[in-house]
Amino acid sequence: MLPILKKDLYEVKDACIAKNISFNIKNIKYILLKFSSSIIKRVNQIEEALIAKGYGQ
């Protein structure tokens, strides 16, 4: 799971650079908001995959 989270963090970093937002402690709220939303999206995808495989019953 850590390599996936690392990849998501790099994607958030690249998005910040594209939007001309510096990746520093000053903008940590924005960065953590985007990163946490990415984590929640990933958890939902994993949950749907597990349910589709029958692990939810």
PDB file of N, CA and C in Angstrom:
ATOM      1  N   MET A   1       0.814  -1.193   0.000  1.00  0.00           N
ATOM      2  CA  MET A   1       0.000   0.000   0.000  1.00  0.00           C
ATOM      3  C   MET A   1       0.862   1.262   0.000  1.00  0.00           C
ATOM      4  N   LEU A   2       2.037   1.193   0.590  1.00  0.00           N
ATOM      5  CA  LEU A   2       2.886   2.389   0.649  1.00  0.00           C
ATOM      6  C   LEU A   2       3.332   2.891  -0.725  1.00  0.00           C
ATOM      7  N   PRO A   3       3.694   2.014  -1.657  1.00  0.00           N
ATOM      8  CA  PRO A   3       4.056   2.534  -2.982  1.00  0.00           C
ATOM      9  C   PRO A   3       2.897   3.251  -3.675  1.00  0.00           C
ATOM     10  N   ILE A   4       1.679   2.780  -3.440  1.00  0.00           N
ATOM     11  CA  ILE A   4       0.510   3.437  -4.023  1.00  0.00           C
ATOM     12  C   ILE A   4       0.320   4.814  -3.410  1.00  0.00           C
ATOM     13  N   LEU A   5       0.467   4.921  -2.096  1.00  0.00           N
ATOM     14  CA  LEU A   5       0.337   6.223  -1.433  1.00  0.00           C
ATOM     15  C   LEU A   5       1.448   7.172  -1.874  1.00  0.00           C
ATOM     16  N   LYS A   6       2.632   6.630  -2.069  1.00  0.00           N
ATOM     17  CA  LYS A   6       3.747   7.450  -2.540  1.00  0.00           C
ATOM     18  C   LYS A   6       3.440   7.988  -3.933  1.00  0.00           C
ATOM     19  N   LYS A   7       2.887   7.137  -4.799  1.00  0.00           N
ATOM     20  CA  LYS A   7       2.509   7.561  -6.140  1.00  0.00           C
ATOM     21  C   LYS A   7       1.444   8.654  -6.083  1.00  0.00           C
ATOM     22  N   ASP A   8       0.448   8.491  -5.193  1.00  0.00           N
ATOM     23  CA  ASP A   8      -0.594   9.509  -5.045  1.00  0.00           C
ATOM     24  C   ASP A   8      -0.015  10.829  -4.557  1.00  0.00           C
ATOM     25  N   LEU A   9       0.938  10.768  -3.647  1.00  0.00           N
ATOM     26  CA  LEU A   9       1.563  11.987  -3.145  1.00  0.00           C
ATOM     27  C   LEU A   9       2.317  12.701  -4.258  1.00  0.00           C
ATOM     28  N   TYR A  10       3.007  11.946  -5.101  1.00  0.00           N
ATOM     29  CA  TYR A  10       3.706  12.565  -6.229  1.00  0.00           C
ATOM     30  C   TYR A  10       2.723  13.174  -7.228  1.00  0.00           C
ATOM     31  N   GLU A  11       1.567  12.540  -7.404  1.00  0.00           N
ATOM     32  CA  GLU A  11       0.552  13.106  -8.294  1.00  0.00           C
ATOM     33  C   GLU A  11       0.019  14.422  -7.738  1.00  0.00           C
ATOM     34  N   VAL A  12      -0.198  14.489  -6.429  1.00  0.00           N
ATOM     35  CA  VAL A  12      -0.644  15.732  -5.801  1.00  0.00           C
ATOM     36  C   VAL A  12       0.434  16.797  -5.942  1.00  0.00           C
ATOM     37  N   LYS A  13       1.679  16.399  -5.756  1.00  0.00           N
ATOM     38  CA  LYS A  13       2.787  17.339  -5.901  1.00  0.00           C
ATOM     39  C   LYS A  13       2.856  17.884  -7.324  1.00  0.00           C
ATOM     40  N   ASP A  14       2.710  17.008  -8.311  1.00  0.00           N
ATOM     41  CA  ASP A  14       2.726  17.449  -9.708  1.00  0.00           C
ATOM     42  C   ASP A  14       1.550  18.376 -10.009  1.00  0.00           C
ATOM     43  N   ALA A  15       0.385  18.077  -9.439  1.00  0.00           N
ATOM     44  CA  ALA A  15      -0.782  18.938  -9.648  1.00  0.00           C
ATOM     45  C   ALA A  15      -0.554  20.312  -9.032  1.00  0.00           C
ATOM     46  N   CYS A  16       0.075  20.346  -7.869  1.00  0.00           N
ATOM     47  CA  CYS A  16       0.379  21.634  -7.230  1.00  0.00           C
ATOM     48  C   CYS A  16       1.353  22.439  -8.082  1.00  0.00           C
ATOM     49  N   ILE A  17       2.330  21.772  -8.636  1.00  0.00           N
ATOM     50  CA  ILE A  17       3.301  22.462  -9.489  1.00  0.00           C
ATOM     51  C   ILE A  17       2.602  22.988 -10.741  1.00  0.00           C
ATOM     52  N   ALA A  18       1.697  22.207 -11.313  1.00  0.00           N
ATOM     53  CA  ALA A  18       0.969  22.635 -12.510  1.00  0.00           C
ATOM     54  C   ALA A  18       0.077  23.838 -12.227  1.00  0.00           C
ATOM     55  N   LYS A  19      -0.445  23.915 -10.990  1.00  0.00           N
ATOM     56  CA  LYS A  19      -1.303  25.040 -10.612  1.00  0.00           C
ATOM     57  C   LYS A  19      -0.512  26.190 -10.010  1.00  0.00           C
ATOM     58  N   ASN A  20       0.814  26.087 -10.063  1.00  0.00           N
ATOM     59  CA  ASN A  20       1.715  27.115  -9.542  1.00  0.00           C
ATOM     60  C   ASN A  20       1.554  27.321  -8.031  1.00  0.00           C
ATOM     61  N   ILE A  21       1.355  26.217  -7.324  1.00  0.00           N
ATOM     62  CA  ILE A  21       1.270  26.235  -5.861  1.00  0.00           C
ATOM     63  C   ILE A  21       2.537  25.593  -5.333  1.00  0.00           C
ATOM     64  N   SER A  22       3.274  26.315  -4.521  1.00  0.00           N
ATOM     65  CA  SER A  22       4.525  25.769  -4.002  1.00  0.00           C
ATOM     66  C   SER A  22       4.242  24.634  -3.020  1.00  0.00           C
ATOM     67  N   PHE A  23       5.062  23.626  -3.066  1.00  0.00           N
ATOM     68  CA  PHE A  23       4.914  22.430  -2.236  1.00  0.00           C
ATOM     69  C   PHE A  23       5.726  22.639  -0.969  1.00  0.00           C
ATOM     70  N   ASN A  24       5.161  23.389  -0.015  1.00  0.00           N
ATOM     71  CA  ASN A  24       5.870  23.663   1.231  1.00  0.00           C
ATOM     72  C   ASN A  24       4.895  23.650   2.405  1.00  0.00           C
ATOM     73  N   ILE A  25       5.408  23.928   3.580  1.00  0.00           N
ATOM     74  CA  ILE A  25       4.612  23.849   4.809  1.00  0.00           C
ATOM     75  C   ILE A  25       3.515  24.914   4.843  1.00  0.00           C
ATOM     76  N   LYS A  26       3.723  26.002   4.122  1.00  0.00           N
ATOM     77  CA  LYS A  26       2.743  27.086   4.095  1.00  0.00           C
ATOM     78  C   LYS A  26       1.433  26.629   3.459  1.00  0.00           C
ATOM     79  N   ASN A  27       1.514  25.768   2.473  1.00  0.00           N
ATOM     80  CA  ASN A  27       0.338  25.289   1.754  1.00  0.00           C
ATOM     81  C   ASN A  27      -0.056  23.875   2.160  1.00  0.00           C
ATOM     82  N   ILE A  28       0.301  23.469   3.350  1.00  0.00           N
ATOM     83  CA  ILE A  28       0.089  22.089   3.783  1.00  0.00           C
ATOM     84  C   ILE A  28      -1.398  21.735   3.862  1.00  0.00           C
ATOM     85  N   LYS A  29      -2.261  22.701   4.203  1.00  0.00           N
ATOM     86  CA  LYS A  29      -3.691  22.410   4.281  1.00  0.00           C
ATOM     87  C   LYS A  29      -4.237  21.996   2.917  1.00  0.00           C
ATOM     88  N   TYR A  30      -3.855  22.715   1.889  1.00  0.00           N
ATOM     89  CA  TYR A  30      -4.320  22.387   0.542  1.00  0.00           C
ATOM     90  C   TYR A  30      -3.786  21.032   0.097  1.00  0.00           C
ATOM     91  N   ILE A  31      -2.523  20.791   0.369  1.00  0.00           N
ATOM     92  CA  ILE A  31      -1.888  19.539  -0.043  1.00  0.00           C
ATOM     93  C   ILE A  31      -2.509  18.350   0.699  1.00  0.00           C
ATOM     94  N   LEU A  32      -2.708  18.483   2.012  1.00  0.00           N
ATOM     95  CA  LEU A  32      -3.305  17.391   2.783  1.00  0.00           C
ATOM     96  C   LEU A  32      -4.755  17.147   2.388  1.00  0.00           C
ATOM     97  N   LEU A  33      -5.472  18.200   2.024  1.00  0.00           N
ATOM     98  CA  LEU A  33      -6.852  18.034   1.589  1.00  0.00           C
ATOM     99  C   LEU A  33      -6.904  17.215   0.303  1.00  0.00           C
ATOM    100  N   LYS A  34      -6.060  17.539  -0.654  1.00  0.00           N
ATOM    101  CA  LYS A  34      -6.025  16.793  -1.909  1.00  0.00           C
ATOM    102  C   LYS A  34      -5.532  15.362  -1.696  1.00  0.00           C
ATOM    103  N   PHE A  35      -4.530  15.198  -0.846  1.00  0.00           N
ATOM    104  CA  PHE A  35      -3.985  13.868  -0.583  1.00  0.00           C
ATOM    105  C   PHE A  35      -4.999  12.988   0.139  1.00  0.00           C
ATOM    106  N   SER A  36      -5.698  13.552   1.130  1.00  0.00           N
ATOM    107  CA  SER A  36      -6.688  12.761   1.863  1.00  0.00           C
ATOM    108  C   SER A  36      -7.869  12.407   0.974  1.00  0.00           C
ATOM    109  N   SER A  37      -8.261  13.299   0.067  1.00  0.00           N
ATOM    110  CA  SER A  37      -9.349  12.954  -0.847  1.00  0.00           C
ATOM    111  C   SER A  37      -8.911  11.835  -1.799  1.00  0.00           C
ATOM    112  N   SER A  38      -7.640  11.842  -2.184  1.00  0.00           N
ATOM    113  CA  SER A  38      -7.120  10.767  -3.021  1.00  0.00           C
ATOM    114  C   SER A  38      -7.109   9.439  -2.262  1.00  0.00           C
ATOM    115  N   ILE A  39      -6.784   9.477  -0.979  1.00  0.00           N
ATOM    116  CA  ILE A  39      -6.787   8.264  -0.159  1.00  0.00           C
ATOM    117  C   ILE A  39      -8.204   7.715  -0.015  1.00  0.00           C
ATOM    118  N   ILE A  40      -9.165   8.599   0.223  1.00  0.00           N
ATOM    119  CA  ILE A  40     -10.559   8.166   0.371  1.00  0.00           C
ATOM    120  C   ILE A  40     -11.066   7.558  -0.925  1.00  0.00           C
ATOM    121  N   LYS A  41     -10.704   8.157  -2.049  1.00  0.00           N
ATOM    122  CA  LYS A  41     -11.101   7.604  -3.348  1.00  0.00           C
ATOM    123  C   LYS A  41     -10.500   6.219  -3.541  1.00  0.00           C
ATOM    124  N   ARG A  42      -9.241   6.054  -3.150  1.00  0.00           N
ATOM    125  CA  ARG A  42      -8.560   4.761  -3.285  1.00  0.00           C
ATOM    126  C   ARG A  42      -9.219   3.714  -2.387  1.00  0.00           C
ATOM    127  N   VAL A  43      -9.599   4.079  -1.178  1.00  0.00           N
ATOM    128  CA  VAL A  43     -10.259   3.149  -0.259  1.00  0.00           C
ATOM    129  C   VAL A  43     -11.595   2.694  -0.832  1.00  0.00           C
ATOM    130  N   ASN A  44     -12.330   3.618  -1.439  1.00  0.00           N
ATOM    131  CA  ASN A  44     -13.605   3.245  -2.057  1.00  0.00           C
ATOM    132  C   ASN A  44     -13.398   2.272  -3.206  1.00  0.00           C
ATOM    133  N   GLN A  45     -12.356   2.467  -3.991  1.00  0.00           N
ATOM    134  CA  GLN A  45     -12.066   1.546  -5.089  1.00  0.00           C
ATOM    135  C   GLN A  45     -11.719   0.157  -4.557  1.00  0.00           C
ATOM    136  N   ILE A  46     -10.940   0.093  -3.505  1.00  0.00           N
ATOM    137  CA  ILE A  46     -10.569  -1.195  -2.912  1.00  0.00           C
ATOM    138  C   ILE A  46     -11.800  -1.876  -2.324  1.00  0.00           C
ATOM    139  N   GLU A  47     -12.658  -1.106  -1.664  1.00  0.00           N
ATOM    140  CA  GLU A  47     -13.881  -1.664  -1.088  1.00  0.00           C
ATOM    141  C   GLU A  47     -14.770  -2.263  -2.177  1.00  0.00           C
ATOM    142  N   GLU A  48     -14.946  -1.535  -3.271  1.00  0.00           N
ATOM    143  CA  GLU A  48     -15.788  -2.044  -4.367  1.00  0.00           C
ATOM    144  C   GLU A  48     -15.183  -3.316  -4.973  1.00  0.00           C
ATOM    145  N   ALA A  49     -13.876  -3.370  -5.088  1.00  0.00           N
ATOM    146  CA  ALA A  49     -13.227  -4.556  -5.641  1.00  0.00           C
ATOM    147  C   ALA A  49     -13.407  -5.756  -4.716  1.00  0.00           C
ATOM    148  N   LEU A  50     -13.279  -5.540  -3.416  1.00  0.00           N
ATOM    149  CA  LEU A  50     -13.458  -6.642  -2.459  1.00  0.00           C
ATOM    150  C   LEU A  50     -14.895  -7.148  -2.439  1.00  0.00           C
ATOM    151  N   ILE A  51     -15.846  -6.229  -2.517  1.00  0.00           N
ATOM    152  CA  ILE A  51     -17.250  -6.636  -2.546  1.00  0.00           C
ATOM    153  C   ILE A  51     -17.557  -7.412  -3.822  1.00  0.00           C
ATOM    154  N   ALA A  52     -16.992  -6.961  -4.937  1.00  0.00           N
ATOM    155  CA  ALA A  52     -17.212  -7.656  -6.215  1.00  0.00           C
ATOM    156  C   ALA A  52     -16.642  -9.066  -6.185  1.00  0.00           C
ATOM    157  N   LYS A  53     -15.583  -9.264  -5.416  1.00  0.00           N
ATOM    158  CA  LYS A  53     -14.973 -10.596  -5.309  1.00  0.00           C
ATOM    159  C   LYS A  53     -15.648 -11.465  -4.276  1.00  0.00           C
ATOM    160  N   GLY A  54     -16.608 -10.907  -3.535  1.00  0.00           N
ATOM    161  CA  GLY A  54     -17.360 -11.688  -2.568  1.00  0.00           C
ATOM    162  C   GLY A  54     -16.820 -11.682  -1.159  1.00  0.00           C
ATOM    163  N   TYR A  55     -15.880 -10.779  -0.852  1.00  0.00           N
ATOM    164  CA  TYR A  55     -15.327 -10.729   0.494  1.00  0.00           C
ATOM    165  C   TYR A  55     -16.241 -10.012   1.480  1.00  0.00           C
ATOM    166  N   GLY A  56     -17.272  -9.356   1.029  1.00  0.00           N
ATOM    167  CA  GLY A  56     -18.134  -8.574   1.905  1.00  0.00           C
ATOM    168  C   GLY A  56     -19.249  -9.393   2.544  1.00  0.00           C
ATOM    169  N   GLN A  57     -19.309 -10.680   2.241  1.00  0.00           N
ATOM    170  CA  GLN A  57     -20.437 -11.472   2.748  1.00  0.00           C
ATOM    171  C   GLN A  57     -19.987 -12.533   3.692  1.00  0.00           C
TER     172      GLN A  57
END
